[in-house]
Amino acid sequence: RELVATITSAGITMYGDSVKARFTIARDNAKNAVAL
């Protein structure tokens, strides 16, 4: 299992090298949801 992307509650993101510039992670704290 490998990292794709993470996002903190403050919106700080991190991406795996193989998906940078192609994938985008987003978080909706009000809905307790995350999307890729």
PDB file of all heavy atoms in Angstrom:
ATOM      1  N   ARG A   1       0.850  -1.193   0.000  1.00  0.00           N
ATOM      2  CA  ARG A   1       0.000   0.000   0.000  1.00  0.00           C
ATOM      3  C   ARG A   1       0.881   1.237   0.000  1.00  0.00           C
ATOM      4  O   ARG A   1       1.879   1.303   0.730  1.00  0.00           O
ATOM      5  CB  ARG A   1      -0.918  -0.011   1.226  1.00  0.00           C
ATOM      6  CG  ARG A   1      -2.023   1.006   1.194  1.00  0.00           C
ATOM      7  CD  ARG A   1      -3.012   0.780   2.325  1.00  0.00           C
ATOM      8  NE  ARG A   1      -3.718  -0.491   2.197  1.00  0.00           N
ATOM      9  CZ  ARG A   1      -4.755  -0.834   2.948  1.00  0.00           C
ATOM     10  NH1 ARG A   1      -5.211   0.013   3.878  1.00  0.00           N
ATOM     11  NH2 ARG A   1      -5.338  -2.000   2.784  1.00  0.00           N
ATOM     12  N   GLU A   2       0.506   2.222  -0.815  1.00  0.00           N
ATOM     13  CA  GLU A   2       1.324   3.431  -0.935  1.00  0.00           C
ATOM     14  C   GLU A   2       0.479   4.682  -0.790  1.00  0.00           C
ATOM     15  O   GLU A   2      -0.720   4.693  -1.065  1.00  0.00           O
ATOM     16  CB  GLU A   2       2.056   3.466  -2.280  1.00  0.00           C
ATOM     17  CG  GLU A   2       1.142   3.569  -3.491  1.00  0.00           C
ATOM     18  CD  GLU A   2       1.919   3.755  -4.789  1.00  0.00           C
ATOM     19  OE1 GLU A   2       3.163   3.846  -4.763  1.00  0.00           O
ATOM     20  OE2 GLU A   2       1.267   3.808  -5.851  1.00  0.00           O
ATOM     21  N   LEU A   3       1.149   5.736  -0.393  1.00  0.00           N
ATOM     22  CA  LEU A   3       0.502   7.039  -0.248  1.00  0.00           C
ATOM     23  C   LEU A   3       0.110   7.600  -1.606  1.00  0.00           C
ATOM     24  O   LEU A   3       0.899   7.581  -2.553  1.00  0.00           O
ATOM     25  CB  LEU A   3       1.465   8.018   0.438  1.00  0.00           C
ATOM     26  CG  LEU A   3       1.099   9.491   0.374  1.00  0.00           C
ATOM     27  CD1 LEU A   3      -0.079   9.788   1.290  1.00  0.00           C
ATOM     28  CD2 LEU A   3       2.297  10.366   0.737  1.00  0.00           C
ATOM     29  N   VAL A   4      -1.094   8.116  -1.686  1.00  0.00           N
ATOM     30  CA  VAL A   4      -1.522   8.870  -2.864  1.00  0.00           C
ATOM     31  C   VAL A   4      -1.533  10.354  -2.515  1.00  0.00           C
ATOM     32  O   VAL A   4      -0.850  11.148  -3.155  1.00  0.00           O
ATOM     33  CB  VAL A   4      -2.916   8.417  -3.350  1.00  0.00           C
ATOM     34  CG1 VAL A   4      -3.365   9.277  -4.527  1.00  0.00           C
ATOM     35  CG2 VAL A   4      -2.915   6.947  -3.727  1.00  0.00           C
ATOM     36  N   ALA A   5      -2.313  10.721  -1.512  1.00  0.00           N
ATOM     37  CA  ALA A   5      -2.397  12.122  -1.111  1.00  0.00           C
ATOM     38  C   ALA A   5      -3.008  12.218   0.274  1.00  0.00           C
ATOM     39  O   ALA A   5      -3.834  11.381   0.655  1.00  0.00           O
ATOM     40  CB  ALA A   5      -3.246  12.923  -2.100  1.00  0.00           C
ATOM     41  N   THR A   6      -2.587  13.231   1.024  1.00  0.00           N
ATOM     42  CA  THR A   6      -3.183  13.513   2.331  1.00  0.00           C
ATOM     43  C   THR A   6      -3.477  14.990   2.452  1.00  0.00           C
ATOM     44  O   THR A   6      -2.883  15.821   1.738  1.00  0.00           O
ATOM     45  CB  THR A   6      -2.258  13.099   3.486  1.00  0.00           C
ATOM     46  OG1 THR A   6      -1.044  13.838   3.403  1.00  0.00           O
ATOM     47  CG2 THR A   6      -1.955  11.610   3.458  1.00  0.00           C
ATOM     48  N   ILE A   7      -4.377  15.322   3.367  1.00  0.00           N
ATOM     49  CA  ILE A   7      -4.726  16.713   3.612  1.00  0.00           C
ATOM     50  C   ILE A   7      -5.066  16.873   5.087  1.00  0.00           C
ATOM     51  O   ILE A   7      -5.798  16.058   5.663  1.00  0.00           O
ATOM     52  CB  ILE A   7      -5.896  17.164   2.704  1.00  0.00           C
ATOM     53  CG1 ILE A   7      -6.191  18.647   2.896  1.00  0.00           C
ATOM     54  CG2 ILE A   7      -7.143  16.319   2.930  1.00  0.00           C
ATOM     55  CD1 ILE A   7      -7.114  19.227   1.829  1.00  0.00           C
ATOM     56  N   THR A   8      -4.507  17.902   5.713  1.00  0.00           N
ATOM     57  CA  THR A   8      -4.790  18.149   7.116  1.00  0.00           C
ATOM     58  C   THR A   8      -6.085  18.943   7.262  1.00  0.00           C
ATOM     59  O   THR A   8      -6.648  19.435   6.272  1.00  0.00           O
ATOM     60  CB  THR A   8      -3.654  18.948   7.760  1.00  0.00           C
ATOM     61  OG1 THR A   8      -3.664  20.283   7.232  1.00  0.00           O
ATOM     62  CG2 THR A   8      -2.297  18.308   7.486  1.00  0.00           C
ATOM     63  N   SER A   9      -6.546  19.101   8.498  1.00  0.00           N
ATOM     64  CA  SER A   9      -7.748  19.893   8.740  1.00  0.00           C
ATOM     65  C   SER A   9      -7.538  21.355   8.372  1.00  0.00           C
ATOM     66  O   SER A   9      -8.500  22.078   8.113  1.00  0.00           O
ATOM     67  CB  SER A   9      -8.178  19.768  10.196  1.00  0.00           C
ATOM     68  OG  SER A   9      -7.121  20.136  11.054  1.00  0.00           O
ATOM     69  N   ALA A  10      -6.279  21.786   8.300  1.00  0.00           N
ATOM     70  CA  ALA A  10      -5.950  23.163   7.902  1.00  0.00           C
ATOM     71  C   ALA A  10      -5.780  23.293   6.397  1.00  0.00           C
ATOM     72  O   ALA A  10      -5.517  24.393   5.900  1.00  0.00           O
ATOM     73  CB  ALA A  10      -4.685  23.628   8.612  1.00  0.00           C
ATOM     74  N   GLY A  11      -5.883  22.184   5.672  1.00  0.00           N
ATOM     75  CA  GLY A  11      -5.795  22.236   4.218  1.00  0.00           C
ATOM     76  C   GLY A  11      -4.405  22.038   3.639  1.00  0.00           C
ATOM     77  O   GLY A  11      -4.195  22.245   2.448  1.00  0.00           O
ATOM     78  N   ILE A  12      -3.467  21.617   4.462  1.00  0.00           N
ATOM     79  CA  ILE A  12      -2.113  21.367   3.962  1.00  0.00           C
ATOM     80  C   ILE A  12      -2.094  19.997   3.290  1.00  0.00           C
ATOM     81  O   ILE A  12      -2.521  19.000   3.876  1.00  0.00           O
ATOM     82  CB  ILE A  12      -1.099  21.413   5.105  1.00  0.00           C
ATOM     83  CG1 ILE A  12      -1.103  22.813   5.725  1.00  0.00           C
ATOM     84  CG2 ILE A  12       0.295  21.063   4.608  1.00  0.00           C
ATOM     85  CD1 ILE A  12      -0.311  22.925   7.000  1.00  0.00           C
ATOM     86  N   THR A  13      -1.593  19.958   2.072  1.00  0.00           N
ATOM     87  CA  THR A  13      -1.645  18.726   1.276  1.00  0.00           C
ATOM     88  C   THR A  13      -0.254  18.135   1.047  1.00  0.00           C
ATOM     89  O   THR A  13       0.761  18.835   1.116  1.00  0.00           O
ATOM     90  CB  THR A  13      -2.288  18.993  -0.090  1.00  0.00           C
ATOM     91  OG1 THR A  13      -1.524  19.993  -0.788  1.00  0.00           O
ATOM     92  CG2 THR A  13      -3.718  19.488   0.062  1.00  0.00           C
ATOM     93  N   MET A  14      -0.267  16.847   0.778  1.00  0.00           N
ATOM     94  CA  MET A  14       0.958  16.135   0.416  1.00  0.00           C
ATOM     95  C   MET A  14       0.575  15.067  -0.606  1.00  0.00           C
ATOM     96  O   MET A  14      -0.474  14.432  -0.467  1.00  0.00           O
ATOM     97  CB  MET A  14       1.600  15.486   1.635  1.00  0.00           C
ATOM     98  CG  MET A  14       2.919  14.784   1.340  1.00  0.00           C
ATOM     99  SD  MET A  14       3.790  14.302   2.841  1.00  0.00           S
ATOM    100  CE  MET A  14       2.662  13.106   3.512  1.00  0.00           C
ATOM    101  N   TYR A  15       1.424  14.885  -1.617  1.00  0.00           N
ATOM    102  CA  TYR A  15       1.133  13.934  -2.688  1.00  0.00           C
ATOM    103  C   TYR A  15       2.288  12.954  -2.882  1.00  0.00           C
ATOM    104  O   TYR A  15       3.453  13.304  -2.693  1.00  0.00           O
ATOM    105  CB  TYR A  15       0.904  14.675  -4.008  1.00  0.00           C
ATOM    106  CG  TYR A  15      -0.335  15.534  -4.021  1.00  0.00           C
ATOM    107  CD1 TYR A  15      -0.286  16.869  -3.637  1.00  0.00           C
ATOM    108  CD2 TYR A  15      -1.566  15.006  -4.395  1.00  0.00           C
ATOM    109  CE1 TYR A  15      -1.428  17.654  -3.637  1.00  0.00           C
ATOM    110  CE2 TYR A  15      -2.710  15.785  -4.410  1.00  0.00           C
ATOM    111  CZ  TYR A  15      -2.635  17.109  -4.031  1.00  0.00           C
ATOM    112  OH  TYR A  15      -3.762  17.883  -4.023  1.00  0.00           O
ATOM    113  N   GLY A  16       1.933  11.737  -3.317  1.00  0.00           N
ATOM    114  CA  GLY A  16       2.949  10.799  -3.727  1.00  0.00           C
ATOM    115  C   GLY A  16       3.584  11.283  -5.026  1.00  0.00           C
ATOM    116  O   GLY A  16       2.928  11.939  -5.844  1.00  0.00           O
ATOM    117  N   ASP A  17       4.845  10.946  -5.236  1.00  0.00           N
ATOM    118  CA  ASP A  17       5.568  11.453  -6.401  1.00  0.00           C
ATOM    119  C   ASP A  17       4.906  11.052  -7.712  1.00  0.00           C
ATOM    120  O   ASP A  17       4.915  11.815  -8.681  1.00  0.00           O
ATOM    121  CB  ASP A  17       7.011  10.937  -6.375  1.00  0.00           C
ATOM    122  CG  ASP A  17       7.839  11.594  -5.294  1.00  0.00           C
ATOM    123  OD1 ASP A  17       7.451  12.678  -4.807  1.00  0.00           O
ATOM    124  OD2 ASP A  17       8.884  11.023  -4.914  1.00  0.00           O
ATOM    125  N   SER A  18       4.324   9.874  -7.756  1.00  0.00           N
ATOM    126  CA  SER A  18       3.779   9.373  -9.017  1.00  0.00           C
ATOM    127  C   SER A  18       2.465  10.039  -9.422  1.00  0.00           C
ATOM    128  O   SER A  18       2.035   9.872 -10.567  1.00  0.00           O
ATOM    129  CB  SER A  18       3.569   7.861  -8.920  1.00  0.00           C
ATOM    130  OG  SER A  18       2.624   7.554  -7.916  1.00  0.00           O
ATOM    131  N   VAL A  19       1.850  10.789  -8.517  1.00  0.00           N
ATOM    132  CA  VAL A  19       0.554  11.396  -8.846  1.00  0.00           C
ATOM    133  C   VAL A  19       0.589  12.921  -8.840  1.00  0.00           C
ATOM    134  O   VAL A  19      -0.408  13.564  -9.174  1.00  0.00           O
ATOM    135  CB  VAL A  19      -0.557  10.916  -7.891  1.00  0.00           C
ATOM    136  CG1 VAL A  19      -0.621   9.394  -7.867  1.00  0.00           C
ATOM    137  CG2 VAL A  19      -0.379  11.477  -6.489  1.00  0.00           C
ATOM    138  N   LYS A  20       1.722  13.499  -8.456  1.00  0.00           N
ATOM    139  CA  LYS A  20       1.822  14.964  -8.422  1.00  0.00           C
ATOM    140  C   LYS A  20       1.469  15.559  -9.780  1.00  0.00           C
ATOM    141  O   LYS A  20       1.861  15.035 -10.809  1.00  0.00           O
ATOM    142  CB  LYS A  20       3.237  15.374  -8.009  1.00  0.00           C
ATOM    143  CG  LYS A  20       3.527  15.192  -6.535  1.00  0.00           C
ATOM    144  CD  LYS A  20       4.959  15.599  -6.207  1.00  0.00           C
ATOM    145  CE  LYS A  20       5.250  15.402  -4.727  1.00  0.00           C
ATOM    146  NZ  LYS A  20       6.657  15.724  -4.391  1.00  0.00           N
ATOM    147  N   ALA A  21       0.749  16.649  -9.757  1.00  0.00           N
ATOM    148  CA  ALA A  21       0.333  17.402 -10.949  1.00  0.00           C
ATOM    149  C   ALA A  21      -0.795  16.717 -11.718  1.00  0.00           C
ATOM    150  O   ALA A  21      -1.309  17.285 -12.684  1.00  0.00           O
ATOM    151  CB  ALA A  21       1.495  17.667 -11.896  1.00  0.00           C
ATOM    152  N   ARG A  22      -1.192  15.514 -11.295  1.00  0.00           N
ATOM    153  CA  ARG A  22      -2.311  14.836 -11.955  1.00  0.00           C
ATOM    154  C   ARG A  22      -3.515  14.673 -11.028  1.00  0.00           C
ATOM    155  O   ARG A  22      -4.659  14.709 -11.480  1.00  0.00           O
ATOM    156  CB  ARG A  22      -1.879  13.451 -12.455  1.00  0.00           C
ATOM    157  CG  ARG A  22      -0.782  13.478 -13.491  1.00  0.00           C
ATOM    158  CD  ARG A  22      -0.559  12.100 -14.081  1.00  0.00           C
ATOM    159  NE  ARG A  22      -0.137  11.120 -13.078  1.00  0.00           N
ATOM    160  CZ  ARG A  22      -0.772   9.975 -12.830  1.00  0.00           C
ATOM    161  NH1 ARG A  22      -1.867   9.656 -13.496  1.00  0.00           N
ATOM    162  NH2 ARG A  22      -0.305   9.140 -11.905  1.00  0.00           N
ATOM    163  N   PHE A  23      -3.246  14.478  -9.735  1.00  0.00           N
ATOM    164  CA  PHE A  23      -4.315  14.252  -8.764  1.00  0.00           C
ATOM    165  C   PHE A  23      -4.430  15.475  -7.850  1.00  0.00           C
ATOM    166  O   PHE A  23      -3.432  16.140  -7.554  1.00  0.00           O
ATOM    167  CB  PHE A  23      -4.018  13.032  -7.903  1.00  0.00           C
ATOM    168  CG  PHE A  23      -4.082  11.710  -8.618  1.00  0.00           C
ATOM    169  CD1 PHE A  23      -4.192  11.620 -10.006  1.00  0.00           C
ATOM    170  CD2 PHE A  23      -4.024  10.532  -7.891  1.00  0.00           C
ATOM    171  CE1 PHE A  23      -4.239  10.400 -10.645  1.00  0.00           C
ATOM    172  CE2 PHE A  23      -4.085   9.299  -8.515  1.00  0.00           C
ATOM    173  CZ  PHE A  23      -4.179   9.241  -9.898  1.00  0.00           C
ATOM    174  N   THR A  24      -5.650  15.723  -7.387  1.00  0.00           N
ATOM    175  CA  THR A  24      -5.892  16.814  -6.458  1.00  0.00           C
ATOM    176  C   THR A  24      -6.787  16.320  -5.326  1.00  0.00           C
ATOM    177  O   THR A  24      -7.862  15.753  -5.585  1.00  0.00           O
ATOM    178  CB  THR A  24      -6.562  18.005  -7.152  1.00  0.00           C
ATOM    179  OG1 THR A  24      -5.740  18.453  -8.235  1.00  0.00           O
ATOM    180  CG2 THR A  24      -6.755  19.158  -6.167  1.00  0.00           C
ATOM    181  N   ILE A  25      -6.354  16.547  -4.097  1.00  0.00           N
ATOM    182  CA  ILE A  25      -7.150  16.170  -2.934  1.00  0.00           C
ATOM    183  C   ILE A  25      -7.814  17.415  -2.365  1.00  0.00           C
ATOM    184  O   ILE A  25      -7.230  18.499  -2.365  1.00  0.00           O
ATOM    185  CB  ILE A  25      -6.285  15.466  -1.868  1.00  0.00           C
ATOM    186  CG1 ILE A  25      -7.170  14.856  -0.772  1.00  0.00           C
ATOM    187  CG2 ILE A  25      -5.222  16.396  -1.292  1.00  0.00           C
ATOM    188  CD1 ILE A  25      -6.406  13.929   0.175  1.00  0.00           C
ATOM    189  N   ALA A  26      -9.053  17.237  -1.920  1.00  0.00           N
ATOM    190  CA  ALA A  26      -9.790  18.357  -1.328  1.00  0.00           C
ATOM    191  C   ALA A  26     -10.600  17.841  -0.154  1.00  0.00           C
ATOM    192  O   ALA A  26     -10.998  16.671  -0.128  1.00  0.00           O
ATOM    193  CB  ALA A  26     -10.705  18.994  -2.372  1.00  0.00           C
ATOM    194  N   ARG A  27     -10.843  18.720   0.785  1.00  0.00           N
ATOM    195  CA  ARG A  27     -11.532  18.308   2.016  1.00  0.00           C
ATOM    196  C   ARG A  27     -12.630  19.310   2.335  1.00  0.00           C
ATOM    197  O   ARG A  27     -12.452  20.516   2.192  1.00  0.00           O
ATOM    198  CB  ARG A  27     -10.528  18.239   3.154  1.00  0.00           C
ATOM    199  CG  ARG A  27     -11.082  17.805   4.497  1.00  0.00           C
ATOM    200  CD  ARG A  27      -9.930  17.541   5.441  1.00  0.00           C
ATOM    201  NE  ARG A  27     -10.381  17.199   6.775  1.00  0.00           N
ATOM    202  CZ  ARG A  27      -9.580  16.757   7.743  1.00  0.00           C
ATOM    203  NH1 ARG A  27      -8.295  16.603   7.511  1.00  0.00           N
ATOM    204  NH2 ARG A  27     -10.068  16.468   8.934  1.00  0.00           N
ATOM    205  N   ASP A  28     -13.752  18.783   2.756  1.00  0.00           N
ATOM    206  CA  ASP A  28     -14.863  19.604   3.215  1.00  0.00           C
ATOM    207  C   ASP A  28     -15.073  19.285   4.691  1.00  0.00           C
ATOM    208  O   ASP A  28     -15.703  18.282   5.033  1.00  0.00           O
ATOM    209  CB  ASP A  28     -16.118  19.292   2.398  1.00  0.00           C
ATOM    210  CG  ASP A  28     -17.274  20.216   2.723  1.00  0.00           C
ATOM    211  OD1 ASP A  28     -17.329  20.739   3.859  1.00  0.00           O
ATOM    212  OD2 ASP A  28     -18.127  20.418   1.861  1.00  0.00           O
ATOM    213  N   ASN A  29     -14.533  20.114   5.553  1.00  0.00           N
ATOM    214  CA  ASN A  29     -14.610  19.839   6.986  1.00  0.00           C
ATOM    215  C   ASN A  29     -16.058  19.881   7.503  1.00  0.00           C
ATOM    216  O   ASN A  29     -16.423  19.132   8.406  1.00  0.00           O
ATOM    217  CB  ASN A  29     -13.750  20.830   7.770  1.00  0.00           C
ATOM    218  CG  ASN A  29     -12.272  20.600   7.564  1.00  0.00           C
ATOM    219  OD1 ASN A  29     -11.814  19.459   7.435  1.00  0.00           O
ATOM    220  ND2 ASN A  29     -11.501  21.674   7.517  1.00  0.00           N
ATOM    221  N   ALA A  30     -16.869  20.717   6.899  1.00  0.00           N
ATOM    222  CA  ALA A  30     -18.267  20.827   7.339  1.00  0.00           C
ATOM    223  C   ALA A  30     -19.044  19.543   7.046  1.00  0.00           C
ATOM    224  O   ALA A  30     -19.948  19.166   7.797  1.00  0.00           O
ATOM    225  CB  ALA A  30     -18.939  22.011   6.667  1.00  0.00           C
ATOM    226  N   LYS A  31     -18.680  18.873   5.944  1.00  0.00           N
ATOM    227  CA  LYS A  31     -19.361  17.638   5.555  1.00  0.00           C
ATOM    228  C   LYS A  31     -18.575  16.395   5.975  1.00  0.00           C
ATOM    229  O   LYS A  31     -19.008  15.280   5.700  1.00  0.00           O
ATOM    230  CB  LYS A  31     -19.587  17.611   4.043  1.00  0.00           C
ATOM    231  CG  LYS A  31     -20.541  18.696   3.556  1.00  0.00           C
ATOM    232  CD  LYS A  31     -20.789  18.573   2.055  1.00  0.00           C
ATOM    233  CE  LYS A  31     -21.776  19.623   1.575  1.00  0.00           C
ATOM    234  NZ  LYS A  31     -22.019  19.529   0.115  1.00  0.00           N
ATOM    235  N   ASN A  32     -17.426  16.611   6.612  1.00  0.00           N
ATOM    236  CA  ASN A  32     -16.593  15.484   7.037  1.00  0.00           C
ATOM    237  C   ASN A  32     -16.286  14.565   5.871  1.00  0.00           C
ATOM    238  O   ASN A  32     -16.452  13.336   5.943  1.00  0.00           O
ATOM    239  CB  ASN A  32     -17.289  14.696   8.150  1.00  0.00           C
ATOM    240  CG  ASN A  32     -17.692  15.580   9.297  1.00  0.00           C
ATOM    241  OD1 ASN A  32     -16.881  16.291   9.858  1.00  0.00           O
ATOM    242  ND2 ASN A  32     -18.974  15.565   9.641  1.00  0.00           N
ATOM    243  N   ALA A  33     -15.861  15.169   4.782  1.00  0.00           N
ATOM    244  CA  ALA A  33     -15.628  14.410   3.559  1.00  0.00           C
ATOM    245  C   ALA A  33     -14.309  14.820   2.920  1.00  0.00           C
ATOM    246  O   ALA A  33     -13.820  15.936   3.125  1.00  0.00           O
ATOM    247  CB  ALA A  33     -16.775  14.630   2.575  1.00  0.00           C
ATOM    248  N   VAL A  34     -13.768  13.907   2.149  1.00  0.00           N
ATOM    249  CA  VAL A  34     -12.558  14.181   1.388  1.00  0.00           C
ATOM    250  C   VAL A  34     -12.756  13.591  -0.003  1.00  0.00           C
ATOM    251  O   VAL A  34     -13.417  12.562  -0.166  1.00  0.00           O
ATOM    252  CB  VAL A  34     -11.313  13.580   2.079  1.00  0.00           C
ATOM    253  CG1 VAL A  34     -11.376  12.065   2.128  1.00  0.00           C
ATOM    254  CG2 VAL A  34     -10.038  14.059   1.414  1.00  0.00           C
ATOM    255  N   ALA A  35     -12.213  14.280  -0.993  1.00  0.00           N
ATOM    256  CA  ALA A  35     -12.357  13.832  -2.372  1.00  0.00           C
ATOM    257  C   ALA A  35     -11.000  13.805  -3.042  1.00  0.00           C
ATOM    258  O   ALA A  35     -10.079  14.535  -2.645  1.00  0.00           O
ATOM    259  CB  ALA A  35     -13.304  14.745  -3.138  1.00  0.00           C
ATOM    260  N   LEU A  36     -10.892  12.973  -4.061  1.00  0.00           N
ATOM    261  CA  LEU A  36      -9.664  12.873  -4.841  1.00  0.00           C
ATOM    262  C   LEU A  36     -10.027  12.976  -6.319  1.00  0.00           C
ATOM    263  O   LEU A  36     -10.706  12.089  -6.860  1.00  0.00           O
ATOM    264  CB  LEU A  36      -8.951  11.550  -4.566  1.00  0.00           C
ATOM    265  CG  LEU A  36      -7.610  11.372  -5.268  1.00  0.00           C
ATOM    266  CD1 LEU A  36      -6.565  12.313  -4.628  1.00  0.00           C
ATOM    267  CD2 LEU A  36      -7.130   9.929  -5.165  1.00  0.00           C
TER     268      LEU A  36
END
